[in-house]
Amino acid sequence: MFGERFRRRFALGDSGVKNVKKGTFWTVIVNLVVMGGIGILYYLMLQFIGTLTQGKALLGAAVFAVAVVVFLLLSFITHLQQYANTYSVVYTEVANMRIGLAEKLRKLPLAFFGKRDLADLTETIMGDVNRMEHVWSHVIGYLYGSYISTAIIAVWLFITDWRLALACLWGVPVAFGLLYGSRSINKRNSETTRKAALIVSDGIQETLENMREIRATNQEQQYLDELYAKIDAHERITRHGELVTGLFVNAAGVIMRLGVATTILVGANLILSGKIDFMLLFMFLLVIARVYAPFDQALALIAEVFFSEVSAGRLQEIYDIPVATGDDEFHPQGHDIEFKDVVFSYGGESVLKGVSFIAKEGQVTALVGPSGSGKSTCARLAARLWDHDSGSITVGGVDISTVDPEVLHAEYSMVFQDVTLFDDTVMTNIRLGRRNATDDEVFAAAKAAGCDEFVGKLPQGYDTPIGENGAKLSGGERQRISIARALLKDAPIVLLDEATASLDVENETKVQTALSRLLAGRTVMVIAHRMRTIEAADKIVVLAEGKVAEQGTPDELMQKENGIFARMHALQSVSADWSL
């Protein structure tokens, strides 16, 4: 029951499996103790009937009082243990799971995030985990504990009288068989409901993120109508799924409760034929009341188990994705980055096709080329944010595929085109580059990146909160904070992917000057579309259709007739003279 298949079915860790075992054990004990209370009631009635019919003296009240006190004490202790080993430990398990998921996501290659949108991941981390939390705390231990305790009681009932036992319990396997027979239907409904919920989440997120564009194009009503339609569809699908599940659950409950009627009919027939006495039938009727009680809830719990399998499968899918691993030590001989016949595919489409070049330490190497030629891909592969398919990428002679990404990233400062900032102050966002940096070091990096100009206009200066992802700042201001963060890290390798794309000409010149001064002696890889930003580069690598088409100094490439770089430079020079 608690094998690998069980663990994967409910997305449990090793500690979770142990907790389920404990919860199941104490649920069995609780059910048996409660059944002991039924036994006290039965023997009290047996004594009472004996007194009425045979004049036997009742056992002393003190005996029953002691029995009741012992029962209540055992019931309190076992219920307390059941609570501690189901609900309490589950909350710790859920906290550990969320932390574990965050750690897992942190180590996954970026290719994974390209296949999963934000709403999907958020629903998994929050919605799916919440769903599993309830299953772990309220369902699994209770359900399997009910199975075991009922099996123990059933054995005792069959030993006592197999005819009454059969009449009493026949409905249990039939009811559960009906539910398990509907498993595929319930699971399919669960998947459909979840997809509808995800469509609603995506619609809400899309509307909020694009509110400015929606208002600018006067499309508010159209987007709201579409969102209402998605919500209505989700409600219809949810109602249908709950109706189907409710039909099976209620049908199973009715079938199971038919055992009461059959027990009375069989018992009455046996009494009339003189094969049993009334007290035996009375005992079975008392037992029925308790045996069915756990399964009243268990029938609904099984339906929840079926629904939870979809969530567990999604969580397990994340756990099963291999993470990038490697050595914990990185001792390169210098920081030259060398690509040798690197091949990379994304989503089944070939992106790089045997790319080879060297970005030398102490030099600025610029990657240029048409959109989609593989420039940004090279930068991400160089930092092992993605893993290449074949070929090799080395830093200082060390193959980066053999180095743990976190160890490797300590040697990199990265500024990408899509800037990510946190809902915190300017100072905190820049200090992410180096946590132990002093205020003066943060100010120096900010000044070098040209942040002083706009920070001085903020109400609290560097202590001003900038909103979610820097919502209170312009695109150029956000990018300068990102550049300051990279400068503060002071790493030997710097990757700049369109780092000055959102800056005006004046600030772009200032940042370029700062970069030229502060990045001396480092390995710098720059990706840019504007030719003027890389005129001072030591080497230019031109990519076209996933291959290196040209490489050399700017002067060498400008002298090539019909060269790609020379043509791009000429086109941008012409476009600079355009006017309206």
Protein backbone atom coordinates (compact mmCIF):
# COMPACT_ATOMS: atom_id res chain seq x y z
CA MET A 1 0.00 0.00 0.00
CA PHE A 2 2.79 2.43 0.82
CA GLY A 3 5.08 1.57 -2.07
CA GLU A 4 6.50 3.79 -4.79
CA ARG A 5 3.25 3.76 -6.71
CA PHE A 6 1.37 5.01 -3.66
CA ARG A 7 3.95 7.74 -3.06
CA ARG A 8 3.70 9.00 -6.63
CA ARG A 9 -0.08 8.72 -6.68
CA PHE A 10 -0.34 11.29 -3.89
CA ALA A 11 2.90 13.22 -4.60
CA LEU A 12 4.25 12.37 -1.15
CA GLY A 13 7.79 12.66 0.07
CA ASP A 14 9.46 10.15 2.38
CA SER A 15 8.30 12.02 5.48
CA GLY A 16 4.80 12.24 4.01
CA VAL A 17 4.61 8.47 3.59
CA LYS A 18 5.68 7.98 7.21
CA ASN A 19 3.03 10.43 8.35
CA VAL A 20 0.35 8.60 6.35
CA LYS A 21 1.35 5.36 8.05
CA LYS A 22 1.06 6.99 11.48
CA GLY A 23 -2.25 8.63 10.62
CA THR A 24 -3.65 5.37 9.30
CA PHE A 25 -2.51 3.48 12.42
CA TRP A 26 -4.14 5.91 14.82
CA THR A 27 -7.33 6.03 12.76
CA VAL A 28 -7.57 2.24 13.09
CA ILE A 29 -7.05 2.51 16.85
CA VAL A 30 -9.68 5.27 17.14
CA ASN A 31 -12.25 3.22 15.21
CA LEU A 32 -11.60 0.14 17.35
CA VAL A 33 -11.79 2.14 20.58
CA VAL A 34 -15.10 3.65 19.49
CA MET A 35 -16.31 0.16 18.68
CA GLY A 36 -15.34 -0.72 22.24
CA GLY A 37 -17.85 1.90 23.40
CA ILE A 38 -20.49 0.05 21.39
CA GLY A 39 -19.44 -3.09 23.27
CA ILE A 40 -20.00 -1.38 26.63
CA LEU A 41 -23.49 -0.37 25.52
CA TYR A 42 -24.21 -3.92 24.32
CA TYR A 43 -23.16 -5.54 27.59
CA LEU A 44 -25.16 -2.96 29.55
CA MET A 45 -28.25 -3.93 27.56
CA LEU A 46 -27.39 -7.62 27.96
CA GLN A 47 -27.32 -7.19 31.74
CA PHE A 48 -30.56 -5.23 31.66
CA ILE A 49 -32.37 -7.87 29.58
CA GLY A 50 -31.01 -10.61 31.85
CA THR A 51 -32.42 -8.83 34.87
CA LEU A 52 -35.85 -8.42 33.27
CA THR A 53 -36.12 -11.95 31.92
CA GLN A 54 -34.16 -14.08 34.38
CA GLY A 55 -33.97 -11.92 37.50
CA LYS A 56 -30.18 -11.73 37.36
CA ALA A 57 -28.58 -8.99 39.42
CA LEU A 58 -27.00 -6.11 37.52
CA LEU A 59 -23.29 -5.63 37.76
CA GLY A 60 -22.38 -2.82 40.10
CA ALA A 61 -22.70 0.73 38.82
CA ALA A 62 -19.07 1.20 39.77
CA VAL A 63 -18.00 -1.40 37.20
CA PHE A 64 -19.78 0.40 34.38
CA ALA A 65 -18.57 3.75 35.65
CA VAL A 66 -14.98 2.53 35.53
CA ALA A 67 -15.56 1.07 32.05
CA VAL A 68 -17.00 4.38 30.81
CA VAL A 69 -14.14 6.38 32.33
CA VAL A 70 -11.56 4.07 30.76
CA PHE A 71 -13.37 4.33 27.41
CA LEU A 72 -13.49 8.13 27.55
CA LEU A 73 -9.83 8.33 28.54
CA LEU A 74 -8.75 5.99 25.73
CA SER A 75 -10.97 7.84 23.28
CA PHE A 76 -9.40 11.19 24.24
CA ILE A 77 -5.84 9.89 23.98
CA THR A 78 -6.35 8.10 20.67
CA HIS A 79 -8.22 11.00 19.08
CA LEU A 80 -5.46 13.34 20.22
CA GLN A 81 -2.84 11.08 18.66
CA GLN A 82 -4.88 10.80 15.49
CA TYR A 83 -5.09 14.59 15.22
CA ALA A 84 -1.38 15.02 15.90
CA ASN A 85 -0.43 12.42 13.29
CA THR A 86 -2.78 13.62 10.56
CA TYR A 87 -3.58 17.32 10.69
CA SER A 88 -0.59 18.71 12.61
CA VAL A 89 2.16 16.86 10.71
CA VAL A 90 0.50 17.59 7.37
CA TYR A 91 0.86 21.34 7.82
CA THR A 92 4.61 20.86 8.22
CA GLU A 93 4.62 18.55 5.20
CA VAL A 94 2.81 21.16 3.08
CA ALA A 95 5.25 23.88 4.15
CA ASN A 96 8.15 21.60 3.22
CA MET A 97 6.49 20.79 -0.10
CA ARG A 98 6.13 24.44 -1.06
CA ILE A 99 9.74 25.11 -0.11
CA GLY A 100 10.77 21.99 -2.02
CA LEU A 101 8.82 23.12 -5.09
CA ALA A 102 10.45 26.55 -4.92
CA GLU A 103 13.88 24.92 -4.68
CA LYS A 104 13.03 22.63 -7.57
CA LEU A 105 11.81 25.49 -9.75
CA ARG A 106 14.91 27.50 -8.88
CA LYS A 107 17.13 24.73 -10.24
CA LEU A 108 15.16 23.92 -13.38
CA PRO A 109 16.48 25.08 -16.75
CA LEU A 110 14.79 28.09 -18.32
CA ALA A 111 13.44 25.87 -21.10
CA PHE A 112 10.90 24.54 -18.58
CA PHE A 113 9.47 28.00 -17.92
CA GLY A 114 9.11 28.62 -21.62
CA LYS A 115 6.61 25.76 -21.73
CA ARG A 116 4.57 26.75 -18.65
CA ASP A 117 2.88 30.09 -18.21
CA LEU A 118 2.69 31.99 -14.92
CA ALA A 119 -0.97 31.22 -14.21
CA ASP A 120 -0.33 27.51 -14.75
CA LEU A 121 2.62 27.42 -12.32
CA THR A 122 0.78 29.55 -9.77
CA GLU A 123 -2.19 27.20 -9.87
CA THR A 124 0.14 24.24 -9.32
CA ILE A 125 2.05 25.76 -6.41
CA MET A 126 -1.02 27.21 -4.67
CA GLY A 127 -4.15 25.43 -5.91
CA ASP A 128 -2.78 21.91 -6.40
CA VAL A 129 -0.83 21.98 -3.13
CA ASN A 130 -3.90 23.23 -1.24
CA ARG A 131 -5.94 20.44 -2.78
CA MET A 132 -3.35 17.85 -1.77
CA GLU A 133 -3.11 19.35 1.73
CA HIS A 134 -6.75 18.51 2.34
CA VAL A 135 -6.30 15.03 0.89
CA TRP A 136 -3.26 14.35 3.10
CA SER A 137 -4.86 15.68 6.27
CA HIS A 138 -8.51 14.65 5.90
CA VAL A 139 -8.60 11.79 3.42
CA ILE A 140 -5.73 9.34 3.10
CA GLY A 141 -5.18 8.31 6.72
CA TYR A 142 -8.90 8.36 7.47
CA LEU A 143 -9.79 6.36 4.38
CA TYR A 144 -7.17 3.66 4.71
CA GLY A 145 -7.66 3.52 8.46
CA SER A 146 -11.36 2.88 7.84
CA TYR A 147 -10.48 0.09 5.42
CA ILE A 148 -8.27 -1.68 7.95
CA SER A 149 -10.50 -1.21 11.01
CA THR A 150 -13.57 -2.37 9.08
CA ALA A 151 -11.68 -5.44 7.85
CA ILE A 152 -10.77 -6.30 11.45
CA ILE A 153 -14.35 -5.83 12.62
CA ALA A 154 -15.64 -7.80 9.62
CA VAL A 155 -13.46 -10.77 10.56
CA TRP A 156 -14.90 -10.69 14.07
CA LEU A 157 -18.46 -10.40 12.73
CA PHE A 158 -18.01 -13.37 10.38
CA ILE A 159 -16.63 -15.43 13.26
CA THR A 160 -19.65 -14.45 15.39
CA ASP A 161 -22.28 -15.21 12.71
CA TRP A 162 -21.40 -15.32 9.04
CA ARG A 163 -25.01 -14.98 7.91
CA LEU A 164 -25.65 -11.71 9.73
CA ALA A 165 -22.16 -10.50 8.82
CA LEU A 166 -22.84 -11.10 5.14
CA ALA A 167 -26.22 -9.36 5.38
CA CYS A 168 -24.60 -6.45 7.18
CA LEU A 169 -21.51 -5.89 5.00
CA TRP A 170 -22.45 -6.91 1.45
CA GLY A 171 -23.25 -3.30 0.52
CA VAL A 172 -19.78 -1.99 1.42
CA PRO A 173 -17.80 -3.64 -1.41
CA VAL A 174 -20.64 -3.02 -3.87
CA ALA A 175 -20.76 0.70 -2.98
CA PHE A 176 -17.02 1.13 -3.26
CA GLY A 177 -16.97 -0.92 -6.44
CA LEU A 178 -19.47 1.51 -7.94
CA LEU A 179 -17.26 4.47 -7.01
CA TYR A 180 -14.10 2.89 -8.32
CA GLY A 181 -15.95 1.99 -11.49
CA SER A 182 -16.70 5.70 -11.97
CA ARG A 183 -13.06 6.62 -11.40
CA SER A 184 -12.23 7.38 -15.02
CA ILE A 185 -15.34 9.55 -15.39
CA ASN A 186 -14.56 11.55 -12.24
CA LYS A 187 -10.92 11.96 -13.23
CA ARG A 188 -11.88 13.19 -16.69
CA ASN A 189 -14.33 15.68 -15.17
CA SER A 190 -11.61 16.86 -12.79
CA GLU A 191 -9.19 17.49 -15.65
CA THR A 192 -11.85 19.37 -17.61
CA THR A 193 -12.76 21.49 -14.58
CA ARG A 194 -9.14 22.32 -13.93
CA LYS A 195 -8.52 23.37 -17.52
CA ALA A 196 -11.56 25.64 -17.34
CA ALA A 197 -10.26 27.17 -14.09
CA LEU A 198 -6.87 27.75 -15.70
CA ILE A 199 -8.54 29.49 -18.66
CA VAL A 200 -10.26 31.84 -16.20
CA SER A 201 -6.97 32.53 -14.38
CA ASP A 202 -5.22 33.23 -17.68
CA GLY A 203 -8.05 35.55 -18.72
CA ILE A 204 -7.92 37.54 -15.48
CA GLN A 205 -4.13 37.79 -15.61
CA GLU A 206 -4.16 38.84 -19.26
CA THR A 207 -6.79 41.52 -18.58
CA LEU A 208 -4.89 42.97 -15.62
CA GLU A 209 -1.51 42.94 -17.37
CA ASN A 210 -2.86 44.60 -20.52
CA MET A 211 -5.26 47.07 -18.90
CA ARG A 212 -3.40 50.06 -20.35
CA GLU A 213 -3.60 48.69 -23.90
CA ILE A 214 -7.23 47.63 -23.43
CA ARG A 215 -8.26 51.12 -22.37
CA ALA A 216 -6.13 52.78 -25.05
CA THR A 217 -7.95 50.77 -27.74
CA ASN A 218 -11.38 51.13 -26.09
CA GLN A 219 -11.80 47.35 -25.77
CA GLU A 220 -12.93 47.18 -22.11
CA GLN A 221 -16.38 45.76 -22.79
CA GLN A 222 -15.11 43.18 -25.29
CA TYR A 223 -12.52 41.86 -22.83
CA LEU A 224 -15.03 41.82 -19.97
CA ASP A 225 -17.55 39.92 -22.10
CA GLU A 226 -14.90 37.36 -22.99
CA LEU A 227 -13.91 37.04 -19.32
CA TYR A 228 -17.56 36.61 -18.25
CA ALA A 229 -17.97 33.89 -20.86
CA LYS A 230 -14.92 32.04 -19.50
CA ILE A 231 -16.24 32.29 -15.93
CA ASP A 232 -19.69 31.06 -16.98
CA ALA A 233 -18.13 28.13 -18.84
CA HIS A 234 -16.10 27.24 -15.74
CA GLU A 235 -19.23 27.32 -13.57
CA ARG A 236 -21.13 25.08 -16.00
CA ILE A 237 -18.31 22.55 -16.15
CA THR A 238 -17.92 22.60 -12.35
CA ARG A 239 -21.65 22.05 -11.80
CA HIS A 240 -21.68 19.16 -14.27
CA GLY A 241 -18.67 17.52 -12.61
CA GLU A 242 -20.13 17.89 -9.11
CA LEU A 243 -23.51 16.58 -10.27
CA VAL A 244 -21.99 13.45 -11.80
CA THR A 245 -19.84 12.85 -8.72
CA GLY A 246 -22.80 13.46 -6.41
CA LEU A 247 -24.91 10.92 -8.29
CA PHE A 248 -22.30 8.19 -7.86
CA VAL A 249 -21.59 9.07 -4.22
CA ASN A 250 -25.28 9.15 -3.23
CA ALA A 251 -26.00 5.95 -5.15
CA ALA A 252 -23.14 4.25 -3.33
CA GLY A 253 -24.45 5.55 0.01
CA VAL A 254 -27.93 4.18 -0.67
CA ILE A 255 -26.53 0.78 -1.67
CA MET A 256 -24.41 0.58 1.46
CA ARG A 257 -27.33 1.56 3.70
CA LEU A 258 -29.38 -1.28 2.26
CA GLY A 259 -27.28 -3.46 4.55
CA VAL A 260 -29.38 -2.27 7.49
CA ALA A 261 -32.54 -3.57 5.84
CA THR A 262 -31.01 -6.89 4.85
CA THR A 263 -29.58 -7.35 8.37
CA ILE A 264 -33.03 -6.81 9.91
CA LEU A 265 -34.70 -9.16 7.40
CA VAL A 266 -32.09 -11.90 7.76
CA GLY A 267 -31.96 -11.46 11.54
CA ALA A 268 -35.73 -11.63 11.92
CA ASN A 269 -35.86 -14.79 9.82
CA LEU A 270 -33.10 -16.38 11.92
CA ILE A 271 -34.85 -15.43 15.16
CA LEU A 272 -38.15 -16.88 13.95
CA SER A 273 -36.39 -20.10 13.00
CA GLY A 274 -34.74 -20.23 16.43
CA LYS A 275 -31.19 -20.07 15.11
CA ILE A 276 -30.18 -16.88 16.94
CA ASP A 277 -31.57 -14.81 19.80
CA PHE A 278 -32.65 -11.19 19.74
CA MET A 279 -29.56 -9.89 21.53
CA LEU A 280 -27.26 -11.13 18.75
CA LEU A 281 -29.33 -9.23 16.20
CA PHE A 282 -29.29 -6.22 18.53
CA MET A 283 -25.49 -6.41 18.68
CA PHE A 284 -25.22 -6.48 14.89
CA LEU A 285 -27.53 -3.47 14.59
CA LEU A 286 -25.33 -1.55 17.04
CA VAL A 287 -22.22 -2.54 15.08
CA ILE A 288 -23.81 -1.50 11.79
CA ALA A 289 -24.36 2.00 13.15
CA ARG A 290 -20.63 2.30 13.82
CA VAL A 291 -19.29 0.35 10.84
CA TYR A 292 -21.13 2.53 8.35
CA ALA A 293 -20.19 5.80 10.06
CA PRO A 294 -16.59 6.02 8.74
CA PHE A 295 -17.75 5.06 5.25
CA ASP A 296 -20.41 7.77 5.11
CA GLN A 297 -17.55 10.26 4.89
CA ALA A 298 -15.24 7.83 3.08
CA LEU A 299 -17.57 7.68 0.07
CA ALA A 300 -17.14 11.41 -0.47
CA LEU A 301 -13.44 11.13 0.34
CA ILE A 302 -12.87 8.60 -2.43
CA ALA A 303 -14.34 11.02 -4.95
CA GLU A 304 -11.92 13.64 -3.64
CA VAL A 305 -9.06 11.16 -4.02
CA PHE A 306 -9.97 10.74 -7.69
CA PHE A 307 -9.97 14.51 -8.19
CA SER A 308 -6.67 14.87 -6.33
CA GLU A 309 -4.89 12.47 -8.66
CA VAL A 310 -4.87 15.18 -11.33
CA SER A 311 -3.21 17.64 -8.94
CA ALA A 312 -0.78 15.01 -7.70
CA GLY A 313 0.16 14.16 -11.26
CA ARG A 314 0.97 17.80 -12.00
CA LEU A 315 3.11 18.09 -8.89
CA GLN A 316 4.87 14.83 -9.65
CA GLU A 317 5.54 16.07 -13.18
CA ILE A 318 7.59 18.93 -11.74
CA TYR A 319 9.43 16.58 -9.37
CA ASP A 320 10.32 14.29 -12.28
CA ILE A 321 11.96 16.99 -14.40
CA PRO A 322 15.75 16.57 -14.19
CA VAL A 323 17.66 19.54 -12.81
CA ALA A 324 21.02 20.78 -13.98
CA THR A 325 23.73 19.34 -11.74
CA GLY A 326 27.50 19.42 -11.57
CA ASP A 327 30.58 19.83 -9.41
CA ASP A 328 30.51 22.15 -6.43
CA GLU A 329 33.94 23.51 -7.28
CA PHE A 330 34.91 25.68 -10.24
CA HIS A 331 38.55 26.56 -10.84
CA PRO A 332 38.94 27.89 -14.40
CA GLN A 333 42.25 28.95 -15.91
CA GLY A 334 41.12 32.45 -16.79
CA HIS A 335 37.64 33.31 -18.05
CA ASP A 336 37.70 32.83 -21.80
CA ILE A 337 34.32 31.55 -23.04
CA GLU A 338 34.67 29.13 -25.93
CA PHE A 339 31.87 27.64 -28.01
CA LYS A 340 32.83 24.51 -29.98
CA ASP A 341 30.30 23.18 -32.52
CA VAL A 342 27.41 23.98 -30.19
CA VAL A 343 24.02 22.65 -31.27
CA PHE A 344 20.79 23.60 -29.50
CA SER A 345 17.12 22.96 -30.22
CA TYR A 346 14.07 24.40 -28.52
CA GLY A 347 10.60 22.96 -28.82
CA GLY A 348 11.75 20.65 -31.61
CA GLU A 349 13.11 23.56 -33.65
CA SER A 350 16.84 23.86 -34.33
CA VAL A 351 18.18 27.19 -33.00
CA LEU A 352 21.98 26.82 -33.09
CA LYS A 353 23.66 24.65 -35.71
CA GLY A 354 27.32 24.12 -34.87
CA VAL A 355 28.26 27.53 -33.44
CA SER A 356 31.97 28.10 -32.65
CA PHE A 357 33.67 31.25 -31.34
CA ILE A 358 35.78 32.52 -28.42
CA ALA A 359 34.97 35.47 -26.13
CA LYS A 360 38.33 36.33 -24.61
CA GLU A 361 38.95 37.64 -21.13
CA GLY A 362 39.60 41.36 -21.03
CA GLN A 363 37.71 41.92 -24.26
CA VAL A 364 34.19 42.90 -25.28
CA THR A 365 32.70 40.36 -27.66
CA ALA A 366 29.53 41.50 -29.40
CA LEU A 367 26.95 39.12 -30.85
CA VAL A 368 24.93 40.64 -33.67
CA GLY A 369 22.61 39.38 -36.35
CA PRO A 370 19.00 39.36 -37.48
CA SER A 371 16.20 38.59 -35.02
CA GLY A 372 15.97 34.87 -34.34
CA SER A 373 19.58 34.18 -35.31
CA GLY A 374 20.45 32.80 -31.84
CA LYS A 375 22.18 35.73 -30.10
CA SER A 376 20.24 35.60 -26.83
CA THR A 377 20.37 31.81 -26.92
CA CYS A 378 24.19 31.95 -26.94
CA ALA A 379 24.18 34.23 -23.90
CA ARG A 380 21.89 31.91 -21.96
CA LEU A 381 23.87 28.84 -22.94
CA ALA A 382 27.10 30.58 -21.89
CA ALA A 383 25.67 30.96 -18.37
CA ARG A 384 24.11 27.47 -18.40
CA LEU A 385 20.63 28.85 -18.03
CA TRP A 386 19.90 26.31 -20.74
CA ASP A 387 21.89 23.17 -21.56
CA HIS A 388 23.06 22.68 -25.13
CA ASP A 389 22.33 19.50 -27.07
CA SER A 390 25.84 18.75 -28.34
CA GLY A 391 29.25 20.35 -28.74
CA SER A 392 30.92 22.03 -25.76
CA ILE A 393 31.03 25.37 -23.95
CA THR A 394 34.04 26.01 -21.74
CA VAL A 395 35.04 28.80 -19.38
CA GLY A 396 38.74 28.95 -18.70
CA GLY A 397 39.07 25.45 -20.14
CA VAL A 398 36.37 23.95 -17.86
CA ASP A 399 33.29 22.45 -19.49
CA ILE A 400 30.39 24.32 -17.87
CA SER A 401 28.11 21.28 -18.21
CA THR A 402 30.19 19.67 -15.44
CA VAL A 403 29.70 22.59 -13.01
CA ASP A 404 26.71 23.16 -10.74
CA PRO A 405 24.80 26.16 -12.17
CA GLU A 406 24.69 27.98 -8.83
CA VAL A 407 28.46 27.68 -8.48
CA LEU A 408 28.90 28.80 -12.08
CA HIS A 409 26.60 31.82 -11.73
CA ALA A 410 28.80 33.26 -9.00
CA GLU A 411 31.20 34.14 -11.83
CA TYR A 412 28.57 35.94 -13.93
CA SER A 413 26.82 39.29 -13.92
CA MET A 414 23.84 39.30 -16.27
CA VAL A 415 21.62 42.04 -17.63
CA PHE A 416 18.95 40.82 -20.00
CA GLN A 417 16.46 42.66 -22.15
CA ASP A 418 13.52 41.65 -19.94
CA VAL A 419 14.28 43.31 -16.60
CA THR A 420 12.92 41.72 -13.41
CA LEU A 421 12.65 43.86 -10.28
CA PHE A 422 11.06 43.21 -6.91
CA ASP A 423 8.38 45.17 -5.07
CA ASP A 424 10.90 46.81 -2.75
CA THR A 425 13.12 49.87 -2.57
CA VAL A 426 15.65 50.99 -5.16
CA MET A 427 18.45 50.27 -2.68
CA THR A 428 17.28 46.70 -2.02
CA ASN A 429 16.86 45.94 -5.72
CA ILE A 430 20.40 47.06 -6.53
CA ARG A 431 21.86 45.27 -3.48
CA LEU A 432 20.59 41.96 -4.88
CA GLY A 433 23.77 42.00 -6.94
CA ARG A 434 25.79 41.53 -3.76
CA ARG A 435 23.98 41.11 -0.47
CA ASN A 436 26.88 42.19 1.73
CA ALA A 437 27.64 45.37 -0.24
CA THR A 438 27.93 48.62 1.72
CA ASP A 439 25.69 51.59 1.01
CA ASP A 440 28.61 53.44 -0.56
CA GLU A 441 29.24 50.53 -2.94
CA VAL A 442 25.55 50.50 -3.91
CA PHE A 443 25.63 54.26 -4.53
CA ALA A 444 28.77 53.92 -6.66
CA ALA A 445 27.22 51.20 -8.83
CA ALA A 446 24.00 53.20 -9.16
CA LYS A 447 25.90 56.31 -10.18
CA ALA A 448 27.95 54.38 -12.73
CA ALA A 449 24.72 53.02 -14.25
CA GLY A 450 23.17 56.50 -14.42
CA CYS A 451 20.58 55.93 -11.69
CA ASP A 452 21.32 59.14 -9.76
CA GLU A 453 19.36 61.28 -12.18
CA PHE A 454 15.95 59.68 -11.61
CA VAL A 455 16.49 58.43 -8.04
CA GLY A 456 17.05 62.02 -6.92
CA LYS A 457 13.53 62.85 -8.08
CA LEU A 458 11.89 60.01 -6.14
CA PRO A 459 10.11 61.01 -2.88
CA GLN A 460 12.37 58.91 -0.62
CA GLY A 461 15.41 58.60 -2.88
CA TYR A 462 17.00 55.17 -2.74
CA ASP A 463 14.52 54.11 -0.05
CA THR A 464 11.54 54.60 -2.36
CA PRO A 465 9.45 51.45 -3.07
CA ILE A 466 9.23 50.96 -6.83
CA GLY A 467 6.14 48.70 -7.04
CA GLU A 468 5.71 45.25 -8.53
CA ASN A 469 8.46 44.70 -11.11
CA GLY A 470 9.32 48.38 -10.90
CA ALA A 471 5.85 49.51 -12.02
CA LYS A 472 6.50 53.07 -10.75
CA LEU A 473 9.55 53.46 -13.01
CA SER A 474 9.97 53.85 -16.75
CA GLY A 475 11.50 51.09 -18.88
CA GLY A 476 14.83 52.91 -19.08
CA GLU A 477 14.92 53.47 -15.31
CA ARG A 478 14.24 49.81 -14.63
CA GLN A 479 17.01 48.82 -16.99
CA ARG A 480 19.51 51.12 -15.31
CA ILE A 481 18.73 49.52 -11.94
CA SER A 482 19.38 46.14 -13.49
CA ILE A 483 22.71 47.39 -14.88
CA ALA A 484 23.65 48.80 -11.46
CA ARG A 485 22.87 45.43 -9.90
CA ALA A 486 25.19 43.69 -12.35
CA LEU A 487 27.98 46.22 -11.79
CA LEU A 488 27.69 45.79 -8.03
CA LYS A 489 28.17 42.03 -8.32
CA ASP A 490 31.63 42.70 -9.79
CA ALA A 491 31.85 39.28 -11.45
CA PRO A 492 34.63 38.34 -13.89
CA ILE A 493 32.13 37.55 -16.68
CA VAL A 494 29.45 40.00 -17.80
CA LEU A 495 26.57 39.20 -20.16
CA LEU A 496 24.61 42.14 -21.57
CA ASP A 497 21.57 41.31 -23.68
CA GLU A 498 20.20 44.56 -25.16
CA ALA A 499 21.18 46.20 -21.88
CA THR A 500 20.80 49.75 -23.23
CA ALA A 501 17.83 49.16 -25.49
CA SER A 502 15.43 51.30 -23.41
CA LEU A 503 17.81 54.22 -22.84
CA ASP A 504 17.79 57.48 -24.69
CA VAL A 505 20.91 58.48 -26.62
CA GLU A 506 22.33 60.66 -23.82
CA ASN A 507 21.92 58.09 -21.07
CA GLU A 508 23.01 55.30 -23.38
CA THR A 509 26.29 57.13 -23.95
CA LYS A 510 26.75 57.62 -20.19
CA VAL A 511 26.12 53.95 -19.45
CA GLN A 512 28.40 52.84 -22.27
CA THR A 513 31.16 55.04 -20.85
CA ALA A 514 30.60 53.57 -17.38
CA LEU A 515 30.62 50.04 -18.75
CA SER A 516 33.82 50.66 -20.68
CA ARG A 517 35.53 51.94 -17.53
CA LEU A 518 34.20 49.46 -14.98
CA LEU A 519 34.26 46.29 -17.08
CA ALA A 520 37.94 46.52 -18.02
CA GLY A 521 39.74 43.21 -17.66
CA ARG A 522 36.55 41.13 -17.63
CA THR A 523 35.04 38.78 -20.16
CA VAL A 524 32.18 40.76 -21.64
CA MET A 525 29.59 39.37 -24.04
CA VAL A 526 27.24 41.98 -25.48
CA ILE A 527 24.13 41.45 -27.56
CA ALA A 528 22.84 44.50 -29.41
CA HIS A 529 20.81 45.46 -32.45
CA ARG A 530 22.02 49.05 -32.63
CA MET A 531 25.44 49.10 -34.26
CA ARG A 532 26.58 52.29 -32.52
CA THR A 533 26.45 50.54 -29.13
CA ILE A 534 29.13 48.04 -30.16
CA GLU A 535 31.47 50.18 -32.23
CA ALA A 536 34.08 49.93 -29.47
CA ALA A 537 33.82 46.13 -29.20
CA ASP A 538 37.05 44.17 -29.49
CA LYS A 539 35.38 41.39 -31.48
CA ILE A 540 32.09 40.94 -33.29
CA VAL A 541 30.45 37.58 -33.95
CA VAL A 542 27.72 37.75 -36.60
CA LEU A 543 25.05 35.04 -36.34
CA ALA A 544 22.66 34.16 -39.13
CA GLU A 545 20.19 31.25 -39.19
CA GLY A 546 21.82 29.66 -36.14
CA LYS A 547 25.36 29.71 -37.53
CA VAL A 548 28.40 31.98 -37.25
CA ALA A 549 28.40 33.88 -40.54
CA GLU A 550 31.21 36.33 -39.76
CA GLN A 551 33.57 37.22 -36.94
CA GLY A 552 36.35 39.70 -36.43
CA THR A 553 36.98 43.30 -35.33
CA PRO A 554 34.49 46.02 -36.37
CA ASP A 555 36.97 47.42 -38.90
CA GLU A 556 37.60 44.00 -40.44
CA LEU A 557 33.90 43.29 -40.84
CA MET A 558 33.17 46.75 -42.25
CA GLN A 559 35.67 46.10 -45.03
CA LYS A 560 33.93 42.93 -46.20
CA GLU A 561 32.02 43.48 -49.38
CA ASN A 562 28.44 42.27 -49.13
CA GLY A 563 29.10 41.32 -45.51
CA ILE A 564 26.15 40.98 -43.15
CA PHE A 565 27.61 43.32 -40.53
CA ALA A 566 28.52 45.97 -43.11
CA ARG A 567 25.02 45.79 -44.58
CA MET A 568 23.35 46.05 -41.15
CA HIS A 569 25.58 49.01 -40.27
CA ALA A 570 24.73 50.74 -43.55
CA LEU A 571 20.99 50.19 -43.12
CA GLN A 572 21.01 51.61 -39.60
CA SER A 573 23.05 54.60 -40.75
CA VAL A 574 20.44 55.32 -43.41
CA SER A 575 17.54 54.90 -40.99
CA ALA A 576 19.17 57.38 -38.60
CA ASP A 577 18.62 60.12 -41.21
CA TRP A 578 14.90 59.43 -41.61
CA SER A 579 12.52 62.14 -40.50
CA LEU A 580 8.80 62.79 -40.49
